Protein backbone atom coordinates (compact mmCIF):
# COMPACT_ATOMS: atom_id res chain seq x y z
CA MET A 1 -41.90 -14.91 20.10
CA ARG A 2 -42.83 -13.33 16.66
CA THR A 3 -41.83 -9.32 16.34
CA SER A 4 -41.74 -6.43 14.37
CA GLY A 5 -39.90 -3.22 13.71
CA ILE A 6 -40.05 0.13 11.39
CA LEU A 7 -37.10 0.83 8.74
CA LEU A 8 -36.00 4.64 8.76
CA GLY A 9 -32.79 5.96 8.82
CA VAL A 10 -31.71 8.82 11.38
CA ALA A 11 -31.30 11.26 8.26
CA SER A 12 -34.91 10.95 7.32
CA LEU A 13 -36.19 12.24 10.80
CA PRO A 14 -38.09 15.43 10.56
CA GLY A 15 -36.78 18.68 12.17
CA GLU A 16 -35.76 21.87 11.05
CA TYR A 17 -32.42 21.52 10.79
CA GLY A 18 -32.06 20.31 7.23
CA ILE A 19 -31.49 16.92 7.71
CA GLY A 20 -32.42 14.24 10.98
CA LYS A 21 -30.77 14.70 14.40
CA MET A 22 -30.05 12.37 17.56
CA GLY A 23 -32.21 14.72 20.04
CA ALA A 24 -35.83 15.30 20.78
CA GLU A 25 -36.72 14.07 17.24
CA ALA A 26 -35.40 10.79 17.36
CA LYS A 27 -36.81 10.49 21.00
CA ARG A 28 -40.52 11.41 19.95
CA PHE A 29 -40.03 8.57 16.84
CA VAL A 30 -39.13 6.26 19.66
CA ASP A 31 -41.93 7.03 21.87
CA PHE A 32 -44.23 6.53 18.30
CA LEU A 33 -42.70 2.91 18.02
CA SER A 34 -43.29 2.24 21.83
CA GLU A 35 -47.11 3.38 21.21
CA ALA A 36 -47.24 1.15 18.06
CA ARG A 37 -45.70 -1.73 20.04
CA GLN A 38 -43.34 -1.98 17.66
CA GLN A 39 -39.80 -3.64 18.96
CA TYR A 40 -37.45 -3.03 16.54
CA TRP A 41 -36.03 0.51 14.83
CA GLN A 42 -33.84 -0.26 11.90
CA ILE A 43 -31.86 2.56 10.59
CA LEU A 44 -29.67 3.30 7.58
CA PRO A 45 -25.55 3.14 8.28
CA LEU A 46 -24.68 6.00 10.87
CA SER A 47 -21.36 6.76 8.87
CA PRO A 48 -20.43 9.96 7.22
CA THR A 49 -21.80 10.47 3.41
CA GLY A 50 -19.31 10.06 0.71
CA TYR A 51 -19.54 9.78 -2.89
CA GLY A 52 -23.25 10.31 -4.26
CA ASP A 53 -24.32 11.08 -0.51
CA SER A 54 -23.86 7.47 0.06
CA PRO A 55 -23.68 6.34 3.85
CA TYR A 56 -22.37 3.23 1.77
CA GLN A 57 -19.21 5.31 0.38
CA SER A 58 -18.15 6.54 3.83
CA PHE A 59 -14.86 7.87 4.84
CA SER A 60 -14.61 5.63 7.57
CA THR A 61 -16.01 2.16 9.07
CA ARG A 62 -16.63 3.21 12.32
CA ALA A 63 -16.93 7.16 12.40
CA GLY A 64 -20.51 8.61 12.81
CA ASN A 65 -22.13 11.28 10.78
CA PRO A 66 -21.64 14.54 12.04
CA TYR A 67 -24.79 16.41 10.50
CA PHE A 68 -27.00 13.94 13.37
CA ILE A 69 -25.39 15.85 16.14
CA ASP A 70 -28.01 17.86 17.73
CA PHE A 71 -28.03 21.18 18.07
CA GLU A 72 -30.23 22.02 20.93
CA THR A 73 -28.46 18.93 22.80
CA LEU A 74 -25.40 20.92 22.20
CA GLY A 75 -27.01 24.33 23.72
CA ALA A 76 -28.13 22.22 26.88
CA ASP A 77 -24.53 21.40 27.07
CA GLY A 78 -23.73 25.12 27.29
CA LEU A 79 -21.70 24.65 24.02
CA LEU A 80 -24.16 26.64 21.79
CA LYS A 81 -26.61 29.63 21.91
CA PRO A 82 -30.01 29.21 20.12
CA GLU A 83 -29.26 32.37 18.15
CA GLU A 84 -26.17 30.55 16.25
CA TYR A 85 -28.22 27.48 15.03
CA LYS A 86 -31.85 28.73 14.81
CA THR A 87 -31.12 31.71 12.73
CA VAL A 88 -29.71 29.64 10.07
CA ALA A 89 -31.20 28.74 6.97
CA PHE A 90 -31.49 24.74 6.43
CA GLY A 91 -33.06 25.06 3.96
CA ASP A 92 -36.82 25.93 2.84
CA ASN A 93 -38.09 22.07 1.42
CA VAL A 94 -38.64 20.20 4.59
CA SER A 95 -39.08 16.86 2.67
CA TYR A 96 -35.90 16.31 0.93
CA ILE A 97 -32.25 16.61 2.23
CA ASN A 98 -29.64 19.19 0.70
CA TYR A 99 -26.41 17.95 0.83
CA GLY A 100 -24.46 20.60 -0.29
CA MET A 101 -26.31 23.24 2.09
CA LEU A 102 -25.52 21.07 4.97
CA TYR A 103 -21.81 21.12 4.41
CA GLU A 104 -21.89 24.94 4.09
CA THR A 105 -24.20 25.56 7.44
CA VAL A 106 -23.44 22.88 9.48
CA TYR A 107 -19.82 22.83 10.16
CA PRO A 108 -19.58 26.69 10.93
CA VAL A 109 -22.01 25.79 13.79
CA LEU A 110 -19.80 23.05 15.03
CA ARG A 111 -16.79 24.89 15.08
CA LYS A 112 -18.60 27.56 17.54
CA ALA A 113 -19.71 24.62 19.74
CA PHE A 114 -16.00 23.04 19.58
CA SER A 115 -14.80 26.78 20.84
CA ARG A 116 -16.35 26.48 23.65
CA PHE A 117 -15.88 22.76 24.51
CA LYS A 118 -13.49 21.72 27.75
CA GLU A 119 -12.52 18.15 27.85
CA ASP A 120 -13.71 16.34 30.91
CA ASP A 121 -13.63 12.88 32.10
CA ASP A 122 -15.96 11.15 29.98
CA TYR A 123 -13.97 12.73 26.54
CA ARG A 124 -10.64 11.44 27.94
CA ARG A 125 -12.41 7.62 28.59
CA PHE A 126 -13.43 7.96 24.94
CA VAL A 127 -10.08 9.08 23.67
CA ASP A 128 -8.21 6.52 25.83
CA LYS A 129 -10.64 3.88 24.15
CA ASN A 130 -10.69 4.69 20.37
CA GLY A 131 -7.93 6.96 20.06
CA GLY A 132 -6.32 4.69 17.28
CA TRP A 133 -9.26 4.97 14.68
CA VAL A 134 -10.67 8.29 15.68
CA ASN A 135 -7.31 10.02 15.49
CA ASP A 136 -6.56 8.58 12.18
CA TYR A 137 -10.20 9.34 11.12
CA ALA A 138 -9.42 13.21 12.41
CA LEU A 139 -6.54 13.31 10.91
CA PHE A 140 -7.69 12.07 7.41
CA MET A 141 -10.56 14.49 7.32
CA ALA A 142 -7.87 17.59 7.98
CA GLU A 143 -5.68 16.58 5.44
CA LYS A 144 -8.87 16.61 2.91
CA ASN A 145 -10.36 19.97 4.15
CA ALA A 146 -6.81 21.08 3.57
CA HIS A 147 -6.91 19.47 0.04
CA GLY A 148 -10.53 21.05 -0.67
CA GLY A 149 -11.96 18.10 -0.34
CA ALA A 150 -9.97 15.93 -3.20
CA PRO A 151 -9.99 12.25 -2.42
CA TRP A 152 -6.58 10.98 -0.61
CA TYR A 153 -5.39 9.16 -3.78
CA GLU A 154 -4.83 12.89 -5.16
CA TRP A 155 -2.63 14.13 -2.71
CA GLU A 156 0.67 14.61 -3.10
CA GLU A 157 2.76 11.59 -3.55
CA ASP A 158 4.47 11.72 -0.02
CA LEU A 159 1.46 11.75 1.83
CA ARG A 160 -0.78 9.76 -0.35
CA LEU A 161 1.77 7.19 0.29
CA ALA A 162 1.49 7.88 4.07
CA LYS A 163 5.17 8.14 4.89
CA PRO A 164 5.56 8.12 8.62
CA GLU A 165 7.44 11.26 8.91
CA VAL A 166 4.82 12.66 6.94
CA ILE A 167 2.12 11.72 8.95
CA GLU A 168 4.06 12.81 12.13
CA LYS A 169 4.77 16.20 10.84
CA ALA A 170 0.89 16.12 9.55
CA ARG A 171 -0.48 15.35 13.10
CA LYS A 172 1.43 18.37 14.56
CA GLU A 173 1.05 20.93 11.74
CA LEU A 174 -3.34 20.10 12.06
CA SER A 175 -3.40 19.35 16.00
CA ARG A 176 -6.23 21.75 16.26
CA GLU A 177 -8.42 20.90 13.16
CA ILE A 178 -7.78 17.02 14.02
CA GLY A 179 -9.05 18.02 17.79
CA PHE A 180 -12.06 19.29 15.85
CA TYR A 181 -12.97 16.33 14.42
CA VAL A 182 -12.11 14.34 17.25
CA PHE A 183 -14.88 16.31 19.30
CA LEU A 184 -17.58 15.81 16.64
CA GLN A 185 -17.11 11.80 17.05
CA TYR A 186 -17.05 12.59 20.96
CA GLU A 187 -20.05 14.28 20.52
CA PHE A 188 -21.76 11.83 18.11
CA TYR A 189 -21.46 8.89 20.34
CA LYS A 190 -22.81 10.37 23.32
CA GLN A 191 -25.56 11.72 21.66
CA TRP A 192 -26.09 8.22 19.84
CA PHE A 193 -26.24 6.15 23.19
CA ALA A 194 -28.83 8.50 24.82
CA VAL A 195 -30.84 7.87 21.67
CA LYS A 196 -30.19 3.92 21.92
CA SER A 197 -30.28 4.04 25.84
CA TYR A 198 -34.01 5.91 25.55
CA ALA A 199 -35.27 3.07 22.82
CA ASN A 200 -34.17 0.11 24.71
CA GLY A 201 -35.38 1.35 27.90
CA LYS A 202 -38.90 1.55 25.86
CA GLY A 203 -38.10 -2.01 25.06
CA ILE A 204 -36.91 -1.31 21.33
CA LYS A 205 -33.99 -2.79 19.98
CA ILE A 206 -32.02 -0.90 17.32
CA ILE A 207 -31.03 -2.62 13.88
CA GLY A 208 -27.79 -1.29 12.57
CA ASP A 209 -26.49 -1.40 9.50
CA MET A 210 -23.10 -2.30 8.05
CA PRO A 211 -22.01 -1.81 4.82
CA ILE A 212 -19.39 -4.79 4.25
CA TYR A 213 -16.67 -3.06 1.65
CA CYS A 214 -14.86 0.36 2.46
CA ALA A 215 -15.00 3.23 0.26
CA TYR A 216 -11.78 3.80 -1.72
CA ASP A 217 -11.89 7.68 -0.54
CA SER A 218 -11.05 6.31 3.23
CA VAL A 219 -8.89 6.45 6.01
CA GLU A 220 -8.82 2.49 5.78
CA ALA A 221 -7.48 2.94 2.36
CA TRP A 222 -5.21 5.50 2.89
CA LEU A 223 -3.51 4.19 6.27
CA SER A 224 -4.24 0.55 6.20
CA PRO A 225 -3.32 -0.76 2.47
CA GLU A 226 -2.21 -3.57 3.66
CA LEU A 227 -6.29 -4.54 4.19
CA PHE A 228 -6.61 -4.39 0.33
CA GLU A 229 -5.55 -6.10 -3.12
CA PHE A 230 -3.22 -3.00 -3.88
CA ASP A 231 -0.74 -2.01 -5.92
CA GLY A 232 2.89 -0.79 -5.37
CA ASN A 233 1.22 2.87 -5.61
CA LYS A 234 -1.98 1.72 -3.51
CA ARG A 235 -4.24 1.67 -6.47
CA PRO A 236 -6.85 -1.25 -6.19
CA VAL A 237 -5.77 -4.26 -8.60
CA CYS A 238 -9.62 -4.96 -8.71
CA VAL A 239 -12.61 -3.63 -7.63
CA ALA A 240 -15.91 -4.55 -6.09
CA GLY A 241 -19.41 -5.11 -8.25
CA CYS A 242 -21.95 -7.59 -9.67
CA PRO A 243 -21.78 -9.14 -12.98
CA PRO A 244 -23.99 -8.35 -16.42
CA ASP A 245 -27.65 -9.51 -16.10
CA PRO A 246 -30.77 -8.47 -18.15
CA TYR A 247 -31.27 -5.30 -16.40
CA ALA A 248 -27.50 -4.20 -16.65
CA ALA A 249 -25.74 -5.26 -19.66
CA GLU A 250 -22.53 -4.36 -18.38
CA GLY A 251 -22.85 -5.26 -14.61
CA GLN A 252 -22.65 -2.80 -12.03
CA ARG A 253 -19.04 -1.54 -10.97
CA TRP A 254 -18.87 0.13 -7.48
CA GLY A 255 -15.23 0.94 -7.35
CA ASN A 256 -14.64 -0.60 -3.49
CA PRO A 257 -11.52 -1.84 -3.40
CA LEU A 258 -11.57 -5.53 -2.43
CA TYR A 259 -10.09 -7.22 0.68
CA ASN A 260 -7.13 -8.87 0.92
CA TRP A 261 -8.01 -11.87 2.23
CA LYS A 262 -5.53 -14.01 2.08
CA ASP A 263 -3.80 -11.92 4.46
CA MET A 264 -6.57 -11.43 6.89
CA GLU A 265 -6.94 -14.97 7.43
CA MET A 266 -3.09 -15.09 8.12
CA ASN A 267 -3.60 -12.54 10.67
CA GLY A 268 -6.70 -14.46 12.37
CA TYR A 269 -9.39 -11.64 10.51
CA LYS A 270 -8.28 -9.52 13.59
CA TRP A 271 -9.29 -6.38 11.58
CA TRP A 272 -12.75 -7.86 10.87
CA ILE A 273 -13.00 -9.08 14.60
CA ASP A 274 -12.50 -5.25 15.74
CA ARG A 275 -14.98 -4.16 13.25
CA ILE A 276 -17.70 -6.55 14.43
CA ALA A 277 -17.17 -6.02 17.86
CA PHE A 278 -17.71 -1.99 17.77
CA GLU A 279 -20.49 -2.72 15.24
CA THR A 280 -22.30 -4.99 17.78
CA ASP A 281 -21.71 -2.76 20.49
CA ILE A 282 -23.45 0.60 19.11
CA TYR A 283 -26.41 -1.62 17.99
CA ASP A 284 -28.50 -4.26 19.35
CA VAL A 285 -28.74 -6.03 16.06
CA LEU A 286 -26.88 -6.19 12.82
CA ARG A 287 -27.38 -5.93 9.59
CA ILE A 288 -24.39 -6.99 7.35
CA ASP A 289 -25.04 -5.37 3.70
CA HIS A 290 -24.16 -7.50 0.93
CA PHE A 291 -23.64 -10.71 2.87
CA ARG A 292 -23.07 -12.86 0.18
CA ALA A 293 -19.55 -11.50 -0.58
CA PHE A 294 -18.49 -13.90 2.39
CA ALA A 295 -19.16 -16.66 0.48
CA GLY A 296 -18.03 -15.80 -2.66
CA TYR A 297 -17.53 -12.11 -4.63
CA TYR A 298 -17.61 -10.66 -7.74
CA SER A 299 -14.05 -9.31 -8.82
CA ILE A 300 -13.49 -6.52 -11.70
CA PRO A 301 -10.12 -5.45 -12.86
CA GLY A 302 -9.41 -2.29 -11.20
CA GLY A 303 -8.56 -0.27 -14.78
CA ASP A 304 -11.97 -1.41 -16.04
CA LYS A 305 -14.73 1.01 -16.56
CA ASN A 306 -17.76 -1.80 -16.31
CA ALA A 307 -18.13 -5.00 -15.00
CA VAL A 308 -18.11 -7.11 -18.14
CA ASN A 309 -14.90 -8.47 -17.37
CA GLY A 310 -15.15 -9.44 -13.89
CA HIS A 311 -15.27 -13.21 -12.32
CA TRP A 312 -16.42 -14.83 -9.00
CA ARG A 313 -13.88 -15.39 -6.23
CA GLU A 314 -14.14 -17.51 -2.92
CA GLY A 315 -14.71 -15.56 -0.07
CA PRO A 316 -13.32 -16.31 3.83
CA ARG A 317 -16.57 -18.35 4.54
CA MET A 318 -16.42 -19.61 8.00
CA LYS A 319 -13.08 -19.31 8.79
CA LEU A 320 -13.91 -15.95 9.19
CA PHE A 321 -17.39 -16.64 11.25
CA ASN A 322 -15.69 -19.15 13.52
CA SER A 323 -12.79 -16.64 14.81
CA THR A 324 -15.57 -14.12 15.30
CA ASN A 325 -17.77 -16.62 17.22
CA TYR A 326 -14.30 -17.76 19.06
CA TRP A 327 -13.53 -14.19 20.45
CA LEU A 328 -16.70 -12.31 20.67
CA GLY A 329 -19.31 -15.10 21.10
CA LYS A 330 -22.49 -15.51 18.87
CA LYS A 331 -23.52 -12.08 17.74
CA ASP A 332 -27.21 -11.04 16.92
CA ILE A 333 -26.90 -10.51 13.44
CA ILE A 334 -28.82 -10.63 10.06
CA ALA A 335 -27.31 -11.24 7.00
CA GLU A 336 -28.75 -9.37 3.77
CA ASP A 337 -28.68 -12.35 1.73
CA LEU A 338 -30.56 -10.80 -1.40
CA GLY A 339 -29.46 -11.18 -5.17
CA PHE A 340 -27.94 -13.91 -6.80
CA ILE A 341 -28.05 -16.78 -3.99
CA THR A 342 -25.79 -19.43 -5.04
CA GLU A 343 -25.60 -23.27 -2.91
CA ASP A 344 -22.09 -21.64 -1.78
CA VAL A 345 -24.04 -18.77 -0.13
CA ALA A 346 -27.12 -20.64 0.84
CA GLN A 347 -24.92 -23.19 2.70
CA LEU A 348 -23.21 -20.16 4.41
CA ILE A 349 -26.37 -18.84 5.78
CA LYS A 350 -27.25 -22.41 6.99
CA ASP A 351 -23.75 -22.33 8.79
CA THR A 352 -23.78 -19.40 10.33
CA GLY A 353 -27.41 -19.64 11.70
CA TYR A 354 -27.81 -15.93 11.24
CA PRO A 355 -31.06 -14.99 10.14
CA GLY A 356 -31.73 -13.97 6.13
CA MET A 357 -34.07 -11.26 4.49
CA LYS A 358 -37.05 -11.77 2.64
CA VAL A 359 -38.78 -8.93 0.88
CA LEU A 360 -41.84 -9.65 -0.72
CA GLN A 361 -41.69 -7.30 -3.91
CA PHE A 362 -39.16 -9.88 -5.35
CA ALA A 363 -41.92 -12.64 -5.00
CA PHE A 364 -44.60 -12.51 -7.41
CA ASP A 365 -43.02 -14.13 -10.48
CA PRO A 366 -46.03 -16.03 -11.90
CA ALA A 367 -43.21 -18.43 -14.07
CA ALA A 368 -41.12 -19.53 -10.64
CA ASP A 369 -41.96 -21.14 -7.26
CA SER A 370 -40.49 -18.24 -5.55
CA ILE A 371 -38.61 -18.53 -1.84
CA TYR A 372 -39.79 -15.38 -1.16
CA LEU A 373 -43.56 -16.34 -0.88
CA PRO A 374 -44.82 -16.45 2.97
CA CYS A 375 -46.48 -19.64 1.94
CA ASN A 376 -42.40 -21.19 0.85
CA LEU A 377 -41.11 -19.75 3.37
CA ALA A 378 -38.15 -22.60 4.26
CA ASP A 379 -37.03 -21.31 7.96
CA PRO A 380 -39.48 -18.76 9.87
CA ALA A 381 -36.03 -17.73 11.23
CA CYS A 382 -36.01 -15.03 9.16
CA VAL A 383 -36.66 -11.04 8.11
CA MET A 384 -39.64 -10.38 6.10
CA TYR A 385 -39.17 -6.89 4.38
CA THR A 386 -42.66 -5.25 2.59
CA SER A 387 -39.76 -3.08 0.42
CA SER A 388 -36.08 -2.15 1.37
CA HIS A 389 -33.89 1.41 1.02
CA ASP A 390 -32.92 -0.12 -2.45
CA SER A 391 -36.53 -0.79 -3.96
CA ASP A 392 -39.49 0.98 -4.55
CA THR A 393 -41.93 1.73 -2.07
CA ALA A 394 -44.91 -0.58 -1.77
CA LYS A 395 -46.68 1.75 -3.37
CA GLY A 396 -44.34 2.20 -6.12
CA TRP A 397 -43.55 -0.84 -6.93
CA ALA A 398 -47.34 -1.73 -7.37
CA GLU A 399 -47.77 0.78 -9.50
CA LYS A 400 -45.39 -0.53 -12.10
CA LEU A 401 -47.12 -4.20 -11.82
CA ASP A 402 -48.56 -5.62 -14.98
CA GLY A 403 -49.86 -8.80 -16.87
CA ARG A 404 -49.42 -12.02 -15.09
CA SER A 405 -47.47 -10.85 -12.14
CA LEU A 406 -50.26 -8.28 -11.37
CA SER A 407 -52.75 -10.81 -11.77
CA PHE A 408 -50.77 -13.13 -9.59
CA CYS A 409 -50.14 -10.42 -7.03
CA LEU A 410 -53.64 -9.65 -6.72
CA ASP A 411 -54.74 -13.55 -6.51
CA TYR A 412 -52.28 -14.16 -3.47
CA CYS A 413 -53.12 -11.15 -1.67
CA GLY A 414 -56.77 -11.41 -2.27
CA VAL A 415 -57.46 -8.17 -3.24
CA LYS A 416 -58.92 -6.97 -6.41
CA THR A 417 -57.43 -3.46 -7.71
CA ARG A 418 -53.61 -2.50 -7.43
CA GLU A 419 -54.18 -0.10 -5.09
CA GLU A 420 -55.04 -2.14 -2.32
CA LEU A 421 -51.41 -3.91 -2.83
CA PRO A 422 -49.59 -1.87 -0.87
CA ASP A 423 -51.87 -2.61 2.74
CA ALA A 424 -51.88 -6.12 1.26
CA LEU A 425 -47.85 -6.44 1.33
CA LEU A 426 -47.94 -5.20 4.91
CA ARG A 427 -50.77 -7.85 5.89
CA LEU A 428 -48.60 -10.39 4.33
CA ALA A 429 -45.28 -9.50 5.84
CA TRP A 430 -46.70 -9.13 9.49
CA SER A 431 -48.94 -12.22 9.04
CA SER A 432 -46.38 -14.17 7.94
CA THR A 433 -44.41 -17.07 9.91
CA ALA A 434 -41.31 -15.17 9.75
CA ARG A 435 -39.80 -14.13 13.44
CA ILE A 436 -39.37 -10.03 12.62
CA ALA A 437 -41.34 -8.29 10.12
CA VAL A 438 -40.12 -5.26 8.80
CA ALA A 439 -41.79 -2.14 6.67
CA PRO A 440 -40.57 1.20 5.65
CA ILE A 441 -42.19 3.95 7.45
CA GLN A 442 -43.49 5.03 3.72
CA ASP A 443 -45.46 1.98 3.21
CA PHE A 444 -47.08 2.82 6.17
CA LEU A 445 -48.01 5.81 4.92
CA GLY A 446 -48.65 4.76 1.67
CA LEU A 447 -45.83 6.78 0.06
CA GLY A 448 -45.00 6.33 -3.79
CA ASN A 449 -41.47 6.97 -5.19
CA GLU A 450 -41.28 10.53 -4.47
CA ALA A 451 -40.46 8.91 -0.91
CA ARG A 452 -38.02 6.38 -2.28
CA ILE A 453 -34.83 6.20 -0.87
CA ASN A 454 -32.21 4.85 -3.42
CA VAL A 455 -31.76 3.23 -7.20
CA PRO A 456 -28.65 1.49 -6.88
CA GLY A 457 -26.15 2.45 -9.64
CA THR A 458 -27.37 6.14 -9.67
CA VAL A 459 -26.28 9.16 -8.25
CA GLY A 460 -27.66 12.71 -7.89
CA LEU A 461 -31.15 12.00 -6.31
CA ASN A 462 -30.85 9.53 -3.40
CA TRP A 463 -30.65 9.69 0.04
CA ARG A 464 -32.73 12.51 0.41
CA TRP A 465 -36.22 11.70 1.47
CA ARG A 466 -37.44 12.89 4.71
CA LEU A 467 -40.70 12.94 6.94
CA ALA A 468 -42.50 15.74 7.06
CA PRO A 469 -43.34 17.28 10.50
CA ASN A 470 -46.59 16.02 11.99
CA GLN A 471 -46.42 13.14 9.30
CA LEU A 472 -46.54 10.40 12.08
CA ASP A 473 -49.65 10.85 13.74
CA GLY A 474 -52.74 8.98 16.05
CA ALA A 475 -54.01 7.34 12.44
CA VAL A 476 -50.59 5.92 10.96
CA CYS A 477 -49.72 4.62 15.10
CA GLN A 478 -53.32 2.86 15.23
CA LYS A 479 -52.40 1.49 11.86
CA ILE A 480 -49.38 -0.32 12.69
CA LEU A 481 -50.61 -1.18 16.09
CA ARG A 482 -53.61 -2.66 14.80
CA LEU A 483 -51.61 -5.17 12.49
CA THR A 484 -49.18 -5.75 14.99
CA GLU A 485 -51.94 -6.93 17.47
CA THR A 486 -53.95 -8.45 14.92
CA TYR A 487 -50.93 -11.06 13.96
CA ASN A 488 -49.77 -11.26 17.31
CA ARG A 489 -46.15 -9.22 17.01
CA ALA A 490 -46.77 -6.66 20.02
CA GLY A 491 -45.01 -8.78 22.89
CA TYR A 492 -42.30 -7.13 24.23
CA THR A 493 -40.11 -7.06 27.79
CA ARG A 494 -39.08 -3.90 28.84
CA TYR A 495 -36.06 -3.24 30.90
CA LYS A 496 -33.95 -0.23 32.46
CA PRO A 497 -30.87 1.01 30.93
CA SER A 498 -27.66 0.95 32.90
CA ASP A 499 -24.39 2.44 32.87
CA ALA A 500 -23.29 -0.31 30.52
CA ASP A 501 -25.68 1.08 27.66
CA MET A 502 -23.11 3.93 27.22
CA GLY A 503 -21.30 1.20 25.32
CA TYR A 504 -18.07 0.19 24.26
CA VAL A 505 -16.82 3.27 23.11
CA PHE A 506 -17.06 4.72 26.07
CA ARG A 507 -15.71 1.78 28.44
């Protein structure tokens, strides 16, 4: 059965509190998807944002972003009074997120909620199930606050090296602050599973997003250095990135520490098995970012300022996925296989059986017989996108096309002007044989690059765009519905959520 869905990060939901929330607006968006007969809501990582406000540079692989916690839900639970959040100035420009403003305004409100919170059986179950990671994350954030937000590798030596006696002392001295951050994770996941259960009850599955790498400034790098290729001072021997190409003469140096795959193999890939178990429970489908690194990854000397001296190294390949399949069974995973795809990457995709991604914007090179063109789809068991969070919007892309690429695209799509191309891309994706078609909501709204989410390799203006109130009206819903019904992607089966839908973190 062919299906379809919409890409929209939680942060981009509309609302009056500076950033998208997991409350009424999230459920209204689910209702919108249901009316448009969509079966998937694809989101961006739910993790706290780190360097450059990016959810791919997070302080934790498991923590949820406290900014998404809904104030009105806390109010209904008796933890907040309306005047404690409705009178706060969360910003006048509802179309863009101001992360600096959020840092100054959101946490004081959440602390008021914490001051009224009383532990109950649900909370105790959550802590019993997640005590390891959630207490470590809470300690990390408490220390980070105590150090003025400085990264852990700039803390005093004994704390930076996480000596046991220092960690034990810190847990006692910061117990109240640690409790606050545990409370935030409890409330986050309580609200998230309520949204997920609501979506599932409407026949909509959530496609989540898992960054492959950890940030250097993360709790994992601080307290689990054995996972990474670190020297004796917990500094990266090498870091992640990608090699030079015609668009980036010095390549891209992302700076994420690389995994110690040899030791992970000796340990049966336990950390990865646990991580994938967690991620595939909080989502219905898991998209793994930069999947090609499991086949081969680019390694840059840790002290280098660019990627010129990097080299390719072999990843764990099927050894990792054989282990995860053995312990977890086959999970519903999408492999982000974009970029420089070599034979080993293609073989890994084939061996795992995971569907890959096809982005239509990559298809229109008149000098090449592109695998991204719908007529060249070798395997319909893939996910076809008009654009992604890392690319131009469909309109922004069409405005940049010129020369032979523009002529080829117009001919292929059967239209006469570039203004018609954004809708033509939507028709190509939905009419294709791909099992799932997905488009960012910006493409159905006909928005240009003012609504682009991220420009890779840049910082400062990314991850900011939001829907305006009432921007998703009946006309937009009908546009999606017509396309979905025309190309026979509208069928789905509803099911009634059960107690199990509260998820792994509460069981």
